[in-house]
Amino acid sequence: MKFPKTPKVKKPKKKTRTTRQKLIDECDELIRQYLRKHRTRVCCTCGKVETENERLQVGHWIKRGKLWVRWDLRNCNPQCASCNLRHNHYTHWYDEYMLRTYGEAQLLELCQVARSNEKISVPYLEMVRNSLKEIL
């Protein structure tokens, strides 16, 4: 008795990351490094201090999907994991912090920039990366 041949399974191709995706990842990492080096290691909303077991995250007042303000230093602040998650539903603590720290005019400017529908270009991402490197 002959057994039927098993069909060859095609391995899925590895997706190569585009220059744009690599630059976005690099800018995200530079923002993390900036917050570690230049900002307090205290959650901006609840005051929890960073420990070895629980590191603070980059909290974005305007969501990360709005690329025009994703790496704006006014929009990125240290937050503990629970506050960063809670911010999606209960924004008032983060709103209060932002108003105290930056003032209404700065927040209105951030919101206006975030509304841009224009796509972020690779040269712009390179400029953001280079300026973040300079700050570090």
Protein backbone atom coordinates (compact mmCIF):
# COMPACT_ATOMS: atom_id res chain seq x y z
CA MET A 1 0.00 0.00 0.00
CA LYS A 2 1.31 3.41 -1.00
CA PHE A 3 0.73 6.44 1.11
CA PRO A 4 -0.07 9.71 -0.65
CA LYS A 5 2.69 12.28 -0.69
CA THR A 6 2.28 15.02 1.81
CA PRO A 7 2.07 18.40 0.15
CA LYS A 8 4.97 20.74 0.69
CA VAL A 9 4.09 23.56 2.99
CA LYS A 10 5.30 26.92 1.80
CA LYS A 11 7.03 28.93 4.48
CA PRO A 12 5.64 32.40 4.83
CA LYS A 13 7.99 35.04 3.52
CA LYS A 14 9.56 37.28 6.09
CA LYS A 15 8.32 40.78 5.68
CA THR A 16 11.11 43.25 5.26
CA ARG A 17 10.74 46.45 7.18
CA THR A 18 10.65 49.60 5.12
CA THR A 19 12.93 52.56 5.76
CA ARG A 20 9.89 54.43 7.06
CA GLN A 21 9.08 51.69 9.62
CA LYS A 22 12.69 51.53 10.76
CA LEU A 23 12.80 55.30 11.25
CA ILE A 24 9.57 55.24 13.25
CA ASP A 25 10.99 52.54 15.54
CA GLU A 26 14.24 54.45 15.91
CA CYS A 27 12.41 57.67 16.83
CA ASP A 28 10.32 55.78 19.41
CA GLU A 29 13.49 54.42 21.01
CA LEU A 30 15.11 57.87 21.06
CA ILE A 31 12.05 59.30 22.85
CA ARG A 32 12.35 56.53 25.49
CA GLN A 33 16.01 57.38 25.98
CA TYR A 34 15.24 61.08 26.20
CA LEU A 35 12.62 60.58 28.92
CA ARG A 36 15.00 58.35 30.91
CA LYS A 37 17.81 60.86 30.68
CA HIS A 38 16.12 64.27 30.88
CA ARG A 39 12.85 63.88 32.77
CA THR A 40 12.03 62.78 36.28
CA ARG A 41 11.38 59.10 36.77
CA VAL A 42 8.00 59.79 38.30
CA CYS A 43 4.61 59.13 36.69
CA CYS A 44 3.21 62.46 35.55
CA THR A 45 -0.34 61.56 36.57
CA CYS A 46 -0.15 59.58 39.84
CA GLY A 47 3.36 60.34 41.11
CA LYS A 48 4.51 56.70 41.27
CA VAL A 49 8.32 56.46 41.25
CA GLU A 50 10.03 54.15 38.77
CA THR A 51 11.60 51.04 40.29
CA GLU A 52 13.82 48.29 38.92
CA ASN A 53 10.78 45.99 38.70
CA GLU A 54 8.40 48.50 37.14
CA ARG A 55 9.71 50.87 34.53
CA LEU A 56 7.79 53.90 33.38
CA GLN A 57 6.41 54.06 29.86
CA VAL A 58 6.15 56.87 27.35
CA GLY A 59 2.67 58.28 27.80
CA HIS A 60 1.23 60.25 24.89
CA TRP A 61 -1.40 62.87 25.67
CA ILE A 62 -2.50 62.74 22.02
CA LYS A 63 -2.45 59.14 20.81
CA ARG A 64 0.63 57.75 19.07
CA GLY A 65 -1.30 57.24 15.84
CA LYS A 66 -1.14 60.99 15.23
CA LEU A 67 2.38 60.88 13.82
CA TRP A 68 2.79 64.65 13.58
CA VAL A 69 2.90 64.88 17.40
CA ARG A 70 4.07 61.36 18.27
CA TRP A 71 7.62 62.56 18.99
CA ASP A 72 6.80 66.09 20.14
CA LEU A 73 8.43 66.38 23.57
CA ARG A 74 5.37 68.20 24.93
CA ASN A 75 3.20 65.21 24.02
CA CYS A 76 5.50 62.56 25.57
CA ASN A 77 5.65 62.19 29.33
CA PRO A 78 6.60 59.39 31.75
CA GLN A 79 3.66 57.31 32.97
CA CYS A 80 3.33 54.08 34.91
CA ALA A 81 1.68 51.23 33.01
CA SER A 82 -1.65 51.52 34.83
CA CYS A 83 -1.95 55.29 34.25
CA ASN A 84 -0.95 54.88 30.62
CA LEU A 85 -3.71 52.32 30.15
CA ARG A 86 -6.24 54.28 32.21
CA HIS A 87 -5.58 57.47 30.24
CA ASN A 88 -7.59 56.09 27.32
CA HIS A 89 -10.81 56.18 29.38
CA TYR A 90 -10.16 58.72 32.15
CA THR A 91 -8.27 61.62 30.65
CA HIS A 92 -8.80 64.26 33.34
CA TRP A 93 -5.65 63.49 35.39
CA TYR A 94 -3.40 63.72 32.35
CA ASP A 95 -5.31 66.80 31.11
CA GLU A 96 -4.70 68.54 34.43
CA TYR A 97 -0.98 67.73 34.30
CA MET A 98 -0.70 69.01 30.74
CA LEU A 99 -2.52 72.26 31.55
CA ARG A 100 -0.33 72.88 34.61
CA THR A 101 2.88 72.06 32.76
CA TYR A 102 2.38 73.57 29.30
CA GLY A 103 -0.64 75.86 29.47
CA GLU A 104 -3.69 76.10 27.27
CA ALA A 105 -2.00 77.82 24.30
CA GLN A 106 0.60 75.01 23.93
CA LEU A 107 -2.10 72.33 24.16
CA LEU A 108 -4.21 74.03 21.50
CA GLU A 109 -1.16 74.19 19.24
CA LEU A 110 -0.49 70.46 19.80
CA CYS A 111 -4.10 69.63 18.92
CA GLN A 112 -3.93 71.75 15.78
CA VAL A 113 -0.73 70.05 14.61
CA ALA A 114 -2.22 66.60 15.36
CA ARG A 115 -5.16 67.28 13.03
CA SER A 116 -2.92 67.36 9.96
CA ASN A 117 -3.99 64.76 7.41
CA GLU A 118 -0.74 65.03 5.49
CA LYS A 119 1.34 61.84 5.40
CA ILE A 120 4.68 61.88 7.22
CA SER A 121 7.55 61.63 4.73
CA VAL A 122 10.82 59.74 5.14
CA PRO A 123 12.88 62.97 5.01
CA TYR A 124 10.73 64.40 7.82
CA LEU A 125 11.27 61.24 9.90
CA GLU A 126 15.02 61.53 9.29
CA MET A 127 14.88 65.14 10.48
CA VAL A 128 12.99 64.10 13.65
CA ARG A 129 15.52 61.33 14.30
CA ASN A 130 18.46 63.68 13.85
CA SER A 131 16.98 66.36 16.10
CA LEU A 132 16.28 63.78 18.83
CA LYS A 133 19.86 62.52 18.54
CA GLU A 134 21.14 66.10 18.93
CA ILE A 135 19.06 66.58 22.10
CA LEU A 136 20.47 63.38 23.57
